[in-house]
């Protein structure tokens, strides 16, 4: 639930008191919804117009 709500895995690891992030990774479940949300966000960033940049020659 925390990962789906964009809480970084490092934060989750600390919240759970894990000394090693690998322990958290064992229990972390990446859902299809999380993958879809991440891909949508990436697409939006890649297709957003760039404002304020000028090309110099």
C-alpha atoms as a PDB file:
ATOM      1  CA  UNK A   1       0.000   0.000   0.000  1.00  0.00           C
ATOM      2  CA  UNK A   2       2.774   2.449   0.820  1.00  0.00           C
ATOM      3  CA  UNK A   3       4.666   1.799  -2.413  1.00  0.00           C
ATOM      4  CA  UNK A   4       1.480   2.282  -4.434  1.00  0.00           C
ATOM      5  CA  UNK A   5       1.129   5.681  -2.780  1.00  0.00           C
ATOM      6  CA  UNK A   6       4.629   6.718  -3.855  1.00  0.00           C
ATOM      7  CA  UNK A   7       6.338   6.217  -0.506  1.00  0.00           C
ATOM      8  CA  UNK A   8       9.959   5.332  -1.347  1.00  0.00           C
ATOM      9  CA  UNK A   9      11.048   1.810  -0.411  1.00  0.00           C
ATOM     10  CA  UNK A  10      13.847   3.331   1.702  1.00  0.00           C
ATOM     11  CA  UNK A  11      11.224   5.078   3.835  1.00  0.00           C
ATOM     12  CA  UNK A  12       9.166   1.901   4.145  1.00  0.00           C
ATOM     13  CA  UNK A  13      12.290   0.034   5.216  1.00  0.00           C
ATOM     14  CA  UNK A  14      12.964   2.522   7.991  1.00  0.00           C
ATOM     15  CA  UNK A  15       9.307   2.548   9.075  1.00  0.00           C
ATOM     16  CA  UNK A  16       9.444  -1.232   9.453  1.00  0.00           C
ATOM     17  CA  UNK A  17      12.740  -1.089  11.351  1.00  0.00           C
ATOM     18  CA  UNK A  18      14.688  -3.134   8.813  1.00  0.00           C
ATOM     19  CA  UNK A  19      18.445  -2.737   9.053  1.00  0.00           C
ATOM     20  CA  UNK A  20      18.875  -3.844   5.448  1.00  0.00           C
ATOM     21  CA  UNK A  21      16.694  -2.695   2.543  1.00  0.00           C
ATOM     22  CA  UNK A  22      16.952  -6.202   1.079  1.00  0.00           C
ATOM     23  CA  UNK A  23      14.702  -7.414   3.872  1.00  0.00           C
ATOM     24  CA  UNK A  24      12.052  -4.914   2.798  1.00  0.00           C
ATOM     25  CA  UNK A  25      12.463  -5.951  -0.838  1.00  0.00           C
ATOM     26  CA  UNK A  26      11.631  -9.548   0.078  1.00  0.00           C
ATOM     27  CA  UNK A  27       8.215  -8.497   1.371  1.00  0.00           C
ATOM     28  CA  UNK A  28       7.496  -5.714  -1.122  1.00  0.00           C
ATOM     29  CA  UNK A  29       4.871  -6.526  -3.707  1.00  0.00           C
ATOM     30  CA  UNK A  30       4.783  -4.511  -6.901  1.00  0.00           C
ATOM     31  CA  UNK A  31       1.219  -4.518  -8.183  1.00  0.00           C
ATOM     32  CA  UNK A  32       0.067  -4.028 -11.747  1.00  0.00           C
ATOM     33  CA  UNK A  33      -1.568  -0.775 -10.611  1.00  0.00           C
ATOM     34  CA  UNK A  34       1.795   0.526  -9.378  1.00  0.00           C
ATOM     35  CA  UNK A  35       3.448  -0.374 -12.690  1.00  0.00           C
ATOM     36  CA  UNK A  36       0.644   1.323 -14.629  1.00  0.00           C
ATOM     37  CA  UNK A  37       0.868   4.465 -12.508  1.00  0.00           C
ATOM     38  CA  UNK A  38       4.643   4.651 -12.931  1.00  0.00           C
ATOM     39  CA  UNK A  39       4.459   4.145 -16.686  1.00  0.00           C
ATOM     40  CA  UNK A  40       1.769   6.838 -17.003  1.00  0.00           C
ATOM     41  CA  UNK A  41       3.884   9.282 -14.994  1.00  0.00           C
ATOM     42  CA  UNK A  42       6.937   8.526 -17.122  1.00  0.00           C
ATOM     43  CA  UNK A  43       4.965   8.994 -20.346  1.00  0.00           C
ATOM     44  CA  UNK A  44       3.620  12.310 -19.077  1.00  0.00           C
ATOM     45  CA  UNK A  45       7.122  13.554 -18.203  1.00  0.00           C
ATOM     46  CA  UNK A  46       8.545  12.474 -21.548  1.00  0.00           C
ATOM     47  CA  UNK A  47       5.771  14.042 -23.602  1.00  0.00           C
ATOM     48  CA  UNK A  48       5.421  17.285 -21.619  1.00  0.00           C
ATOM     49  CA  UNK A  49       6.526  20.378 -23.515  1.00  0.00           C
ATOM     50  CA  UNK A  50       9.826  21.864 -22.392  1.00  0.00           C
ATOM     51  CA  UNK A  51       9.370  25.475 -21.301  1.00  0.00           C
ATOM     52  CA  UNK A  52      12.085  28.078 -20.927  1.00  0.00           C
ATOM     53  CA  UNK A  53      14.879  26.324 -22.819  1.00  0.00           C
ATOM     54  CA  UNK A  54      16.426  27.881 -25.861  1.00  0.00           C
ATOM     55  CA  UNK A  55      18.671  26.174 -28.321  1.00  0.00           C
ATOM     56  CA  UNK A  56      21.916  27.996 -29.008  1.00  0.00           C
ATOM     57  CA  UNK A  57      23.899  27.506 -32.182  1.00  0.00           C
END
